[in-house]
Amino acid sequence: MALKRVWTPTNNYSSGGTKTILVIHSMEGFTGANGAKDCAIYFQGNVGASSQVCIDNNRGTIWEGVARQYGSWTQCNYNSRAISCEQSGYASWSKDYWLTNRSNQLHNVADWLAEESAKTGIPLVKISDPNGTGVIYHSNLGPTGCGHSDPGNGWPINEVLAWAKGGSTPAESEEMDMAASVAYYNGKPYFAYVGPDHKVRVNGGIIDKDNYAKSGADIDIDQTSGQKMVCYTNRDGLLCTYLQNVGDSKWYWENRDMATI
């Protein structure tokens, strides 16, 4: 998706040099409905800080405060070499939280990375050495990069880079049958469905954080033992079956049929 960039210029910048790194940050706040706009406006003040762009969960729109050829003030000694992205959110968030609650934001970041890579030639590869060329966490810049810990170990870099390179979640790439199903046990309903992050859930709980659904989920419950069984087709076209026993909170992967559905 081509991003809409809302120009929100700030005077907090310096001259730039040859750009070699695309730096991922988290704002450590600004998590409201218009967090990116609020942060961009904050950077317009006399605050000694800025970023090339600010990104939140509003799909398709980002806020741009410093042109890529200049140095934004957000990674200390690396400002001249960096093109920076500030994200609404916290470094303490888990990978599951990012993917479940910030999917639109992550796709915005992926589109931003793709656009910057196309303009600058910086490759879409994760690096940890700031002397290299690629996509890097703010935390990897160390003390001379301001010594921060964002965007956190839970930030889903592999998924975002895959999207930036042209991959997508199933919903964006093909028509899907995402129907839900319900089964009852002792009068209580159990709903199996696929969330917006394409993870299968039963009554809200994800059954496998590392597997993505291509189809809707079907649930059945043995009325004698109470054992629950959920089946769905994953994004590779393989049938996945999971079991959960009464009194157990875990789901167990029974099989992964090699037959394409």
C-alpha atoms as a PDB file:
ATOM      1  CA  MET A   1       0.000   0.000   0.000  1.00  0.00           C
ATOM      2  CA  ALA A   2       1.293   3.461  -0.901  1.00  0.00           C
ATOM      3  CA  LEU A   3       1.338   5.448   2.317  1.00  0.00           C
ATOM      4  CA  LYS A   4      -0.229   8.850   2.783  1.00  0.00           C
ATOM      5  CA  ARG A   5       2.434  10.995   4.437  1.00  0.00           C
ATOM      6  CA  VAL A   6       1.076  13.946   6.392  1.00  0.00           C
ATOM      7  CA  TRP A   7       3.804  16.592   6.401  1.00  0.00           C
ATOM      8  CA  THR A   8       4.245  17.937   9.945  1.00  0.00           C
ATOM      9  CA  PRO A   9       7.585  19.757   9.782  1.00  0.00           C
ATOM     10  CA  THR A  10       9.797  20.404  12.774  1.00  0.00           C
ATOM     11  CA  ASN A  11      12.882  22.575  13.215  1.00  0.00           C
ATOM     12  CA  ASN A  12      14.520  19.858  15.300  1.00  0.00           C
ATOM     13  CA  TYR A  13      16.912  18.391  12.757  1.00  0.00           C
ATOM     14  CA  SER A  14      20.436  18.721  11.430  1.00  0.00           C
ATOM     15  CA  SER A  15      22.272  18.069   8.198  1.00  0.00           C
ATOM     16  CA  GLY A  16      22.432  14.474   7.095  1.00  0.00           C
ATOM     17  CA  GLY A  17      25.044  12.244   5.570  1.00  0.00           C
ATOM     18  CA  THR A  18      24.919   9.020   3.587  1.00  0.00           C
ATOM     19  CA  LYS A  19      21.966   7.031   4.868  1.00  0.00           C
ATOM     20  CA  THR A  20      22.813   3.445   5.809  1.00  0.00           C
ATOM     21  CA  ILE A  21      20.323   2.369   8.483  1.00  0.00           C
ATOM     22  CA  LEU A  22      16.570   2.345   8.918  1.00  0.00           C
ATOM     23  CA  VAL A  23      16.001   2.568  12.668  1.00  0.00           C
ATOM     24  CA  ILE A  24      12.924   1.180  14.416  1.00  0.00           C
ATOM     25  CA  HIS A  25      11.855   2.989  17.589  1.00  0.00           C
ATOM     26  CA  SER A  26       8.906   2.886  19.965  1.00  0.00           C
ATOM     27  CA  MET A  27       7.591   6.132  21.427  1.00  0.00           C
ATOM     28  CA  GLU A  28       7.136   4.711  24.935  1.00  0.00           C
ATOM     29  CA  GLY A  29       3.727   6.293  24.929  1.00  0.00           C
ATOM     30  CA  PHE A  30       1.380   8.102  22.540  1.00  0.00           C
ATOM     31  CA  THR A  31      -0.883   5.033  22.390  1.00  0.00           C
ATOM     32  CA  GLY A  32      -4.130   6.915  21.852  1.00  0.00           C
ATOM     33  CA  ALA A  33      -6.252   6.812  18.713  1.00  0.00           C
ATOM     34  CA  ASN A  34      -4.111   9.520  17.077  1.00  0.00           C
ATOM     35  CA  GLY A  35      -0.766   8.724  18.677  1.00  0.00           C
ATOM     36  CA  ALA A  36       1.355   9.387  15.595  1.00  0.00           C
ATOM     37  CA  LYS A  37      -0.196  12.795  14.998  1.00  0.00           C
ATOM     38  CA  ASP A  38       0.170  13.685  18.684  1.00  0.00           C
ATOM     39  CA  CYS A  39       3.836  12.654  18.681  1.00  0.00           C
ATOM     40  CA  ALA A  40       4.577  14.550  15.459  1.00  0.00           C
ATOM     41  CA  ILE A  41       3.042  17.699  16.947  1.00  0.00           C
ATOM     42  CA  TYR A  42       5.074  17.153  20.123  1.00  0.00           C
ATOM     43  CA  PHE A  43       8.242  17.013  17.995  1.00  0.00           C
ATOM     44  CA  GLN A  44       7.352  20.429  16.544  1.00  0.00           C
ATOM     45  CA  GLY A  45       7.972  21.966  19.965  1.00  0.00           C
ATOM     46  CA  ASN A  46      11.257  23.041  21.501  1.00  0.00           C
ATOM     47  CA  VAL A  47      11.918  19.508  22.763  1.00  0.00           C
ATOM     48  CA  GLY A  48      15.306  18.675  21.244  1.00  0.00           C
ATOM     49  CA  ALA A  49      13.931  15.558  19.569  1.00  0.00           C
ATOM     50  CA  SER A  50      12.322  14.487  16.303  1.00  0.00           C
ATOM     51  CA  SER A  51      11.885  11.601  13.892  1.00  0.00           C
ATOM     52  CA  GLN A  52      11.558  11.223  10.164  1.00  0.00           C
ATOM     53  CA  VAL A  53       8.122   9.653  10.629  1.00  0.00           C
ATOM     54  CA  CYS A  54       5.644   8.759  13.355  1.00  0.00           C
ATOM     55  CA  ILE A  55       3.426   5.721  12.863  1.00  0.00           C
ATOM     56  CA  ASP A  56       0.376   4.381  14.666  1.00  0.00           C
ATOM     57  CA  ASN A  57      -2.532   1.983  14.099  1.00  0.00           C
ATOM     58  CA  ASN A  58      -4.325   4.163  11.529  1.00  0.00           C
ATOM     59  CA  ARG A  59      -3.805   2.085   8.403  1.00  0.00           C
ATOM     60  CA  GLY A  60      -2.299   3.797   5.405  1.00  0.00           C
ATOM     61  CA  THR A  61      -1.415   7.145   7.006  1.00  0.00           C
ATOM     62  CA  ILE A  62       1.821   8.200   8.693  1.00  0.00           C
ATOM     63  CA  TRP A  63       3.101  11.567   9.931  1.00  0.00           C
ATOM     64  CA  GLU A  64       6.367  12.916   8.532  1.00  0.00           C
ATOM     65  CA  GLY A  65       8.395  15.582  10.324  1.00  0.00           C
ATOM     66  CA  VAL A  66      11.924  15.391   8.887  1.00  0.00           C
ATOM     67  CA  ALA A  67      12.830  14.710   5.263  1.00  0.00           C
ATOM     68  CA  ARG A  68      14.917  11.573   4.804  1.00  0.00           C
ATOM     69  CA  GLN A  69      18.044  13.418   3.659  1.00  0.00           C
ATOM     70  CA  TYR A  70      18.395  15.207   7.004  1.00  0.00           C
ATOM     71  CA  GLY A  71      19.284  13.962  10.479  1.00  0.00           C
ATOM     72  CA  SER A  72      16.376  13.614  12.872  1.00  0.00           C
ATOM     73  CA  TRP A  73      17.217  13.916  16.569  1.00  0.00           C
ATOM     74  CA  THR A  74      16.384  10.507  17.959  1.00  0.00           C
ATOM     75  CA  GLN A  75      19.503   8.309  17.904  1.00  0.00           C
ATOM     76  CA  CYS A  76      22.336  10.636  19.070  1.00  0.00           C
ATOM     77  CA  ASN A  77      25.602   9.918  17.220  1.00  0.00           C
ATOM     78  CA  TYR A  78      23.803   8.050  14.415  1.00  0.00           C
ATOM     79  CA  ASN A  79      21.390  10.834  13.446  1.00  0.00           C
ATOM     80  CA  SER A  80      23.162  11.735  10.199  1.00  0.00           C
ATOM     81  CA  ARG A  81      23.247   8.109   8.958  1.00  0.00           C
ATOM     82  CA  ALA A  82      19.790   7.083  10.111  1.00  0.00           C
ATOM     83  CA  ILE A  83      16.265   7.316   8.801  1.00  0.00           C
ATOM     84  CA  SER A  84      14.039   6.880  11.818  1.00  0.00           C
ATOM     85  CA  CYS A  85      10.557   5.574  12.481  1.00  0.00           C
ATOM     86  CA  GLU A  86       8.834   6.265  15.813  1.00  0.00           C
ATOM     87  CA  GLN A  87       6.000   3.864  16.608  1.00  0.00           C
ATOM     88  CA  SER A  88       3.155   4.365  19.013  1.00  0.00           C
ATOM     89  CA  GLY A  89       3.651   1.881  21.851  1.00  0.00           C
ATOM     90  CA  TYR A  90       6.034   0.401  24.363  1.00  0.00           C
ATOM     91  CA  ALA A  91       9.186  -1.734  24.223  1.00  0.00           C
ATOM     92  CA  SER A  92       7.668  -3.922  26.955  1.00  0.00           C
ATOM     93  CA  TRP A  93       4.910  -5.227  24.668  1.00  0.00           C
ATOM     94  CA  SER A  94       5.071  -8.905  23.737  1.00  0.00           C
ATOM     95  CA  LYS A  95       5.191 -10.218  20.195  1.00  0.00           C
ATOM     96  CA  ASP A  96       1.651 -11.506  20.546  1.00  0.00           C
ATOM     97  CA  TYR A  97       0.437  -8.110  21.719  1.00  0.00           C
ATOM     98  CA  TRP A  98       2.039  -6.343  18.761  1.00  0.00           C
ATOM     99  CA  LEU A  99       0.590  -8.794  16.227  1.00  0.00           C
ATOM    100  CA  THR A 100      -2.852  -8.943  17.821  1.00  0.00           C
ATOM    101  CA  ASN A 101      -3.413  -5.304  18.706  1.00  0.00           C
ATOM    102  CA  ARG A 102      -1.113  -3.393  16.354  1.00  0.00           C
ATOM    103  CA  SER A 103      -1.454  -5.225  13.063  1.00  0.00           C
ATOM    104  CA  ASN A 104      -2.343  -2.063  11.108  1.00  0.00           C
ATOM    105  CA  GLN A 105       0.606  -0.247  12.630  1.00  0.00           C
ATOM    106  CA  LEU A 106       3.014  -3.044  11.766  1.00  0.00           C
ATOM    107  CA  HIS A 107       1.795  -3.067   8.177  1.00  0.00           C
ATOM    108  CA  ASN A 108       2.311   0.704   8.048  1.00  0.00           C
ATOM    109  CA  VAL A 109       5.889   0.174   9.243  1.00  0.00           C
ATOM    110  CA  ALA A 110       6.383  -2.529   6.604  1.00  0.00           C
ATOM    111  CA  ASP A 111       5.159  -0.186   3.876  1.00  0.00           C
ATOM    112  CA  TRP A 112       7.399   2.593   5.201  1.00  0.00           C
ATOM    113  CA  LEU A 113      10.416   0.270   5.157  1.00  0.00           C
ATOM    114  CA  ALA A 114       9.615  -0.773   1.584  1.00  0.00           C
ATOM    115  CA  GLU A 115       9.331   2.844   0.439  1.00  0.00           C
ATOM    116  CA  GLU A 116      12.547   3.920   2.161  1.00  0.00           C
ATOM    117  CA  SER A 117      14.450   0.932   0.820  1.00  0.00           C
ATOM    118  CA  ALA A 118      13.263   1.715  -2.709  1.00  0.00           C
ATOM    119  CA  LYS A 119      14.388   5.354  -2.375  1.00  0.00           C
ATOM    120  CA  THR A 120      17.749   4.773  -0.679  1.00  0.00           C
ATOM    121  CA  GLY A 121      18.831   1.250  -1.609  1.00  0.00           C
ATOM    122  CA  ILE A 122      19.114   0.269   2.063  1.00  0.00           C
ATOM    123  CA  PRO A 123      18.405  -3.482   2.074  1.00  0.00           C
ATOM    124  CA  LEU A 124      15.453  -4.972   3.938  1.00  0.00           C
ATOM    125  CA  VAL A 125      17.549  -7.132   6.235  1.00  0.00           C
ATOM    126  CA  LYS A 126      17.742  -7.061  10.032  1.00  0.00           C
ATOM    127  CA  ILE A 127      21.182  -6.094  11.326  1.00  0.00           C
ATOM    128  CA  SER A 128      22.518  -5.657  14.853  1.00  0.00           C
ATOM    129  CA  ASP A 129      25.794  -3.902  13.985  1.00  0.00           C
ATOM    130  CA  PRO A 130      25.199  -0.168  13.422  1.00  0.00           C
ATOM    131  CA  ASN A 131      28.234  -0.063  11.153  1.00  0.00           C
ATOM    132  CA  GLY A 132      26.342  -2.244   8.682  1.00  0.00           C
ATOM    133  CA  THR A 133      23.559  -1.386   6.276  1.00  0.00           C
ATOM    134  CA  GLY A 134      19.976  -2.471   6.847  1.00  0.00           C
ATOM    135  CA  VAL A 135      17.106  -2.342   9.336  1.00  0.00           C
ATOM    136  CA  ILE A 136      18.141  -2.012  12.969  1.00  0.00           C
ATOM    137  CA  TYR A 137      16.542  -1.595  16.393  1.00  0.00           C
ATOM    138  CA  HIS A 138      17.272   1.561  18.352  1.00  0.00           C
ATOM    139  CA  SER A 139      18.566  -0.685  21.140  1.00  0.00           C
ATOM    140  CA  ASN A 140      21.260  -2.072  18.809  1.00  0.00           C
ATOM    141  CA  LEU A 141      22.851   1.371  18.531  1.00  0.00           C
ATOM    142  CA  GLY A 142      24.120   1.152  22.108  1.00  0.00           C
ATOM    143  CA  PRO A 143      25.223   4.045  24.337  1.00  0.00           C
ATOM    144  CA  THR A 144      26.380   6.214  21.430  1.00  0.00           C
ATOM    145  CA  GLY A 145      22.913   5.832  19.934  1.00  0.00           C
ATOM    146  CA  CYS A 146      21.328   7.249  23.119  1.00  0.00           C
ATOM    147  CA  GLY A 147      21.338   3.957  25.047  1.00  0.00           C
ATOM    148  CA  HIS A 148      17.654   3.100  24.696  1.00  0.00           C
ATOM    149  CA  SER A 149      15.968  -0.342  24.727  1.00  0.00           C
ATOM    150  CA  ASP A 150      13.239   0.162  22.122  1.00  0.00           C
ATOM    151  CA  PRO A 151      11.392  -1.266  20.273  1.00  0.00           C
ATOM    152  CA  GLY A 152      11.836  -4.317  22.538  1.00  0.00           C
ATOM    153  CA  ASN A 153      12.569  -8.000  22.081  1.00  0.00           C
ATOM    154  CA  GLY A 154       8.925  -8.733  21.328  1.00  0.00           C
ATOM    155  CA  TRP A 155       8.742  -6.528  18.262  1.00  0.00           C
ATOM    156  CA  PRO A 156       7.935  -8.895  15.324  1.00  0.00           C
ATOM    157  CA  ILE A 157      10.764  -8.038  12.965  1.00  0.00           C
ATOM    158  CA  ASN A 158      10.518 -11.218  10.876  1.00  0.00           C
ATOM    159  CA  GLU A 159       6.850 -10.686  10.055  1.00  0.00           C
ATOM    160  CA  VAL A 160       7.299  -6.999   9.285  1.00  0.00           C
ATOM    161  CA  LEU A 161      10.266  -7.588   6.989  1.00  0.00           C
ATOM    162  CA  ALA A 162       8.352 -10.328   5.164  1.00  0.00           C
ATOM    163  CA  TRP A 163       5.513  -7.887   4.509  1.00  0.00           C
ATOM    164  CA  ALA A 164       7.955  -5.182   3.473  1.00  0.00           C
ATOM    165  CA  LYS A 165       9.467  -7.534   0.895  1.00  0.00           C
ATOM    166  CA  GLY A 166       6.061  -8.165  -0.641  1.00  0.00           C
ATOM    167  CA  GLY A 167       4.640 -10.913   1.540  1.00  0.00           C
ATOM    168  CA  SER A 168       1.306 -10.505   3.237  1.00  0.00           C
ATOM    169  CA  THR A 169      -1.095 -12.047   5.642  1.00  0.00           C
ATOM    170  CA  PRO A 170      -3.644 -14.310   3.923  1.00  0.00           C
ATOM    171  CA  ALA A 171      -6.379 -11.694   4.125  1.00  0.00           C
ATOM    172  CA  GLU A 172      -4.403  -9.337   1.895  1.00  0.00           C
ATOM    173  CA  SER A 173      -3.311 -11.880  -0.686  1.00  0.00           C
ATOM    174  CA  GLU A 174      -6.292 -14.109  -1.344  1.00  0.00           C
ATOM    175  CA  GLU A 175      -9.952 -14.685  -0.695  1.00  0.00           C
ATOM    176  CA  MET A 176     -10.491 -16.496   2.577  1.00  0.00           C
ATOM    177  CA  ASP A 177     -13.210 -18.478   4.291  1.00  0.00           C
ATOM    178  CA  MET A 178     -12.916 -17.230   7.861  1.00  0.00           C
ATOM    179  CA  ALA A 179     -16.130 -18.717   9.296  1.00  0.00           C
ATOM    180  CA  ALA A 180     -16.402 -19.412  13.024  1.00  0.00           C
ATOM    181  CA  SER A 181     -17.956 -22.429  14.721  1.00  0.00           C
ATOM    182  CA  VAL A 182     -19.405 -23.280  18.124  1.00  0.00           C
ATOM    183  CA  ALA A 183     -19.747 -26.410  20.247  1.00  0.00           C
ATOM    184  CA  TYR A 184     -21.309 -26.906  23.686  1.00  0.00           C
ATOM    185  CA  TYR A 185     -20.125 -28.837  26.720  1.00  0.00           C
ATOM    186  CA  ASN A 186     -22.077 -28.919  29.989  1.00  0.00           C
ATOM    187  CA  GLY A 187     -24.219 -26.113  28.654  1.00  0.00           C
ATOM    188  CA  LYS A 188     -21.276 -23.774  27.980  1.00  0.00           C
ATOM    189  CA  PRO A 189     -20.541 -22.551  24.444  1.00  0.00           C
ATOM    190  CA  TYR A 190     -17.015 -22.741  23.019  1.00  0.00           C
ATOM    191  CA  PHE A 191     -16.387 -20.560  19.974  1.00  0.00           C
ATOM    192  CA  ALA A 192     -13.545 -21.253  17.535  1.00  0.00           C
ATOM    193  CA  TYR A 193     -12.703 -18.365  15.251  1.00  0.00           C
ATOM    194  CA  VAL A 194      -9.852 -16.552  13.506  1.00  0.00           C
ATOM    195  CA  GLY A 195      -8.825 -13.125  14.779  1.00  0.00           C
ATOM    196  CA  PRO A 196      -7.611 -10.156  12.719  1.00  0.00           C
ATOM    197  CA  ASP A 197      -4.047 -11.391  13.197  1.00  0.00           C
ATOM    198  CA  HIS A 198      -5.032 -14.728  11.569  1.00  0.00           C
ATOM    199  CA  LYS A 199      -4.436 -16.709  14.748  1.00  0.00           C
ATOM    200  CA  VAL A 200      -7.067 -19.288  15.751  1.00  0.00           C
ATOM    201  CA  ARG A 201      -8.789 -18.619  19.054  1.00  0.00           C
ATOM    202  CA  VAL A 202     -11.197 -20.496  21.281  1.00  0.00           C
ATOM    203  CA  ASN A 203     -13.221 -18.174  23.510  1.00  0.00           C
ATOM    204  CA  GLY A 204     -10.526 -15.529  23.100  1.00  0.00           C
ATOM    205  CA  GLY A 205      -7.437 -17.637  23.794  1.00  0.00           C
ATOM    206  CA  ILE A 206      -4.925 -18.281  20.999  1.00  0.00           C
ATOM    207  CA  ILE A 207      -4.277 -21.994  20.518  1.00  0.00           C
ATOM    208  CA  ASP A 208      -0.955 -21.643  18.640  1.00  0.00           C
ATOM    209  CA  LYS A 209       0.923 -18.337  18.530  1.00  0.00           C
ATOM    210  CA  ASP A 210       3.230 -19.538  15.742  1.00  0.00           C
ATOM    211  CA  ASN A 211       0.619 -20.776  13.261  1.00  0.00           C
ATOM    212  CA  TYR A 212      -1.552 -18.681  10.952  1.00  0.00           C
ATOM    213  CA  ALA A 213      -4.935 -19.726   9.562  1.00  0.00           C
ATOM    214  CA  LYS A 214      -5.984 -19.739   5.951  1.00  0.00           C
ATOM    215  CA  SER A 215      -9.511 -20.968   6.639  1.00  0.00           C
ATOM    216  CA  GLY A 216     -12.075 -20.684   9.385  1.00  0.00           C
ATOM    217  CA  ALA A 217     -11.798 -22.917  12.430  1.00  0.00           C
ATOM    218  CA  ASP A 218     -14.064 -25.859  13.297  1.00  0.00           C
ATOM    219  CA  ILE A 219     -14.503 -27.077  16.869  1.00  0.00           C
ATOM    220  CA  ASP A 220     -15.931 -30.345  18.194  1.00  0.00           C
ATOM    221  CA  ILE A 221     -16.201 -31.585  21.809  1.00  0.00           C
ATOM    222  CA  ASP A 222     -16.400 -35.189  22.959  1.00  0.00           C
ATOM    223  CA  GLN A 223     -19.423 -35.213  25.259  1.00  0.00           C
ATOM    224  CA  THR A 224     -18.049 -38.120  27.311  1.00  0.00           C
ATOM    225  CA  SER A 225     -14.479 -36.983  27.963  1.00  0.00           C
ATOM    226  CA  GLY A 226     -14.912 -33.249  27.340  1.00  0.00           C
ATOM    227  CA  GLN A 227     -11.897 -33.244  25.046  1.00  0.00           C
ATOM    228  CA  LYS A 228     -11.996 -30.357  22.562  1.00  0.00           C
ATOM    229  CA  MET A 229     -10.735 -30.677  18.987  1.00  0.00           C
ATOM    230  CA  VAL A 230     -10.108 -27.756  16.658  1.00  0.00           C
ATOM    231  CA  CYS A 231      -9.254 -28.121  12.965  1.00  0.00           C
ATOM    232  CA  TYR A 232      -8.299 -25.516  10.414  1.00  0.00           C
ATOM    233  CA  THR A 233      -6.160 -25.074   7.323  1.00  0.00           C
ATOM    234  CA  ASN A 234      -3.022 -23.027   7.865  1.00  0.00           C
ATOM    235  CA  ARG A 235      -1.480 -20.522   5.464  1.00  0.00           C
ATOM    236  CA  ASP A 236       0.595 -23.299   3.851  1.00  0.00           C
ATOM    237  CA  GLY A 237      -2.609 -25.154   2.935  1.00  0.00           C
ATOM    238  CA  LEU A 238      -2.050 -27.897   5.526  1.00  0.00           C
ATOM    239  CA  LEU A 239      -4.739 -29.268   7.821  1.00  0.00           C
ATOM    240  CA  CYS A 240      -3.921 -28.651  11.500  1.00  0.00           C
ATOM    241  CA  THR A 241      -5.621 -30.466  14.361  1.00  0.00           C
ATOM    242  CA  TYR A 242      -5.309 -29.440  18.002  1.00  0.00           C
ATOM    243  CA  LEU A 243      -6.635 -31.141  21.158  1.00  0.00           C
ATOM    244  CA  GLN A 244      -7.309 -29.817  24.636  1.00  0.00           C
ATOM    245  CA  ASN A 245      -8.237 -32.010  27.581  1.00  0.00           C
ATOM    246  CA  VAL A 246     -10.603 -31.045  30.386  1.00  0.00           C
ATOM    247  CA  GLY A 247      -8.811 -29.064  33.073  1.00  0.00           C
ATOM    248  CA  ASP A 248      -5.812 -28.345  30.857  1.00  0.00           C
ATOM    249  CA  SER A 249      -5.188 -24.845  29.531  1.00  0.00           C
ATOM    250  CA  LYS A 250      -2.795 -26.019  26.804  1.00  0.00           C
ATOM    251  CA  TRP A 251      -3.624 -27.062  23.271  1.00  0.00           C
ATOM    252  CA  TYR A 252      -1.691 -29.991  21.829  1.00  0.00           C
ATOM    253  CA  TRP A 253      -0.827 -30.278  18.175  1.00  0.00           C
ATOM    254  CA  GLU A 254      -2.106 -33.718  17.228  1.00  0.00           C
ATOM    255  CA  ASN A 255      -1.043 -33.728  13.600  1.00  0.00           C
ATOM    256  CA  ARG A 256      -0.311 -31.678  10.548  1.00  0.00           C
ATOM    257  CA  ASP A 257      -1.611 -33.540   7.547  1.00  0.00           C
ATOM    258  CA  MET A 258       0.483 -33.189   4.435  1.00  0.00           C
ATOM    259  CA  ALA A 259      -2.567 -33.256   2.196  1.00  0.00           C
ATOM    260  CA  THR A 260      -3.353 -29.876   0.695  1.00  0.00           C
ATOM    261  CA  ILE A 261      -6.950 -28.871   1.299  1.00  0.00           C
END
